[in-house]
Amino acid sequence: MLDHVSIAVRDLAASAAAYGRILAPLGLRQLVERPATVGFGKNYPEFWLNWRPAMTPVPEDTGNHLSLRAPDEAAVRAFHAIALELGCKSAGDPGPRQAAMTTYFGAFIFDRDGNKLEAVTFPKKA
């Protein structure tokens, strides 16, 4: 249903460097760099950072978050650990969760601009 998403960041260079590491366990890499935007993806840019130097950090209570698919639990754990190492804040440690229709394994972070992201993987059906 979705083709791509973008989030706003105050420091594009620092955010691009951080997200390069945070997204690597999910199989995403930097594919595009322009003066005011950086795109990450597997084969084409699916996740964009847009430079907004005058923005204030996003409040944590907006209710907005972006969920990115991880290949397995180890990738979810790595996403979370790397993000915390780089100054992001935990919004939910890695662990099992109950969604509306299934269980999954996920972790949540707030980046340095307040954007809430989740890494998620679903158990393989037997």
Protein backbone atom coordinates (compact mmCIF):
# COMPACT_ATOMS: atom_id res chain seq x y z
CA MET A 1 0.00 0.00 0.00
CA LEU A 2 2.73 2.50 0.86
CA ASP A 3 5.51 3.31 -1.55
CA HIS A 4 7.73 5.47 0.65
CA VAL A 5 7.73 7.60 3.78
CA SER A 6 9.70 10.60 4.96
CA ILE A 7 10.52 12.19 8.30
CA ALA A 8 11.88 15.62 9.14
CA VAL A 9 15.28 16.05 10.80
CA ARG A 10 17.15 19.14 12.01
CA ASP A 11 20.68 17.98 11.14
CA LEU A 12 20.62 16.08 7.86
CA ALA A 13 24.27 14.99 7.85
CA ALA A 14 24.22 13.71 11.43
CA SER A 15 20.86 12.02 10.95
CA ALA A 16 21.93 10.38 7.69
CA ALA A 17 25.05 8.99 9.37
CA ALA A 18 23.02 7.70 12.33
CA TYR A 19 20.26 6.19 10.21
CA GLY A 20 22.86 4.54 8.00
CA ARG A 21 23.83 2.48 11.04
CA ILE A 22 20.36 2.13 12.60
CA LEU A 23 18.74 0.88 9.39
CA ALA A 24 21.55 -1.49 8.34
CA PRO A 25 20.25 -4.46 10.38
CA LEU A 26 16.92 -4.06 8.58
CA GLY A 27 18.63 -4.38 5.19
CA LEU A 28 18.26 -0.70 4.25
CA ARG A 29 21.16 1.37 2.95
CA GLN A 30 21.61 4.93 1.76
CA LEU A 31 20.76 5.13 -1.94
CA VAL A 32 20.24 8.85 -2.62
CA GLU A 33 21.80 12.01 -1.25
CA ARG A 34 20.62 15.47 -2.25
CA PRO A 35 21.17 18.86 -0.61
CA ALA A 36 17.98 18.66 1.49
CA THR A 37 17.07 14.97 1.53
CA VAL A 38 18.60 11.51 1.91
CA GLY A 39 16.89 8.29 0.83
CA PHE A 40 17.37 4.77 2.20
CA GLY A 41 16.07 1.48 0.87
CA LYS A 42 16.89 -1.95 -0.47
CA ASN A 43 16.42 -1.39 -4.22
CA TYR A 44 14.92 2.10 -4.32
CA PRO A 45 14.47 4.83 -1.69
CA GLU A 46 11.62 3.83 0.64
CA PHE A 47 12.60 5.87 3.71
CA TRP A 48 13.55 9.54 3.38
CA LEU A 49 15.09 12.08 5.73
CA ASN A 50 14.10 15.66 4.90
CA TRP A 51 16.18 18.55 6.23
CA ARG A 52 14.18 20.98 8.33
CA PRO A 53 16.81 23.01 10.24
CA ALA A 54 14.28 25.31 11.94
CA MET A 55 11.98 22.60 13.26
CA THR A 56 11.55 21.87 16.92
CA PRO A 57 11.73 18.25 18.09
CA VAL A 58 8.53 16.28 17.61
CA PRO A 59 6.65 15.85 20.91
CA GLU A 60 6.70 12.23 22.11
CA ASP A 61 2.95 12.18 22.72
CA THR A 62 1.81 12.79 19.12
CA GLY A 63 0.77 9.17 18.69
CA ASN A 64 2.60 8.99 15.36
CA HIS A 65 5.10 6.27 14.62
CA LEU A 66 6.62 4.53 11.65
CA SER A 67 7.11 0.76 11.65
CA LEU A 68 9.83 -0.85 9.54
CA ARG A 69 10.01 -4.57 8.79
CA ALA A 70 12.98 -6.49 10.15
CA PRO A 71 14.10 -9.90 8.85
CA ASP A 72 14.31 -11.47 12.33
CA GLU A 73 14.51 -10.85 16.07
CA ALA A 74 18.28 -10.30 15.95
CA ALA A 75 17.76 -7.40 13.53
CA VAL A 76 15.13 -5.86 15.82
CA ARG A 77 17.54 -6.09 18.76
CA ALA A 78 20.39 -4.59 16.70
CA PHE A 79 18.17 -1.72 15.46
CA HIS A 80 17.31 -0.83 19.06
CA ALA A 81 20.83 -1.23 20.48
CA ILE A 82 22.48 0.82 17.73
CA ALA A 83 19.88 3.57 18.08
CA LEU A 84 20.48 3.84 21.82
CA GLU A 85 24.25 3.82 21.28
CA LEU A 86 23.80 6.81 18.93
CA GLY A 87 21.80 8.92 21.36
CA CYS A 88 18.25 7.89 20.55
CA LYS A 89 15.80 7.14 23.35
CA SER A 90 14.02 3.83 23.90
CA ALA A 91 10.27 3.95 23.43
CA GLY A 92 9.92 0.20 24.01
CA ASP A 93 12.60 -2.43 24.52
CA PRO A 94 12.84 -5.40 22.13
CA GLY A 95 10.30 -8.06 22.96
CA PRO A 96 7.13 -9.92 22.02
CA ARG A 97 3.97 -7.89 21.52
CA GLN A 98 0.32 -8.55 20.77
CA ALA A 99 -1.06 -6.75 17.74
CA ALA A 100 -4.69 -6.61 16.67
CA MET A 101 -4.47 -9.84 14.67
CA THR A 102 -1.21 -11.58 15.58
CA THR A 103 1.81 -11.56 17.84
CA TYR A 104 5.08 -10.02 16.75
CA PHE A 105 8.53 -9.09 18.02
CA GLY A 106 9.33 -5.40 17.99
CA ALA A 107 11.22 -2.47 19.50
CA PHE A 108 10.56 1.26 19.48
CA ILE A 109 12.86 4.29 19.52
CA PHE A 110 12.60 8.06 19.50
CA ASP A 111 15.32 9.53 17.27
CA ARG A 112 17.14 12.73 18.23
CA ASP A 113 14.37 14.76 16.57
CA GLY A 114 11.56 12.99 18.43
CA ASN A 115 10.44 10.80 15.51
CA LYS A 116 9.12 7.46 16.79
CA LEU A 117 10.20 4.41 14.82
CA GLU A 118 9.61 0.72 15.34
CA ALA A 119 11.40 -2.35 13.99
CA VAL A 120 9.11 -5.37 13.74
CA THR A 121 9.30 -9.00 12.70
CA PHE A 122 6.54 -11.57 12.61
CA PRO A 123 6.97 -15.21 13.65
CA LYS A 124 7.20 -17.71 10.86
CA LYS A 125 4.07 -19.84 10.48
CA ALA A 126 4.65 -23.57 10.94
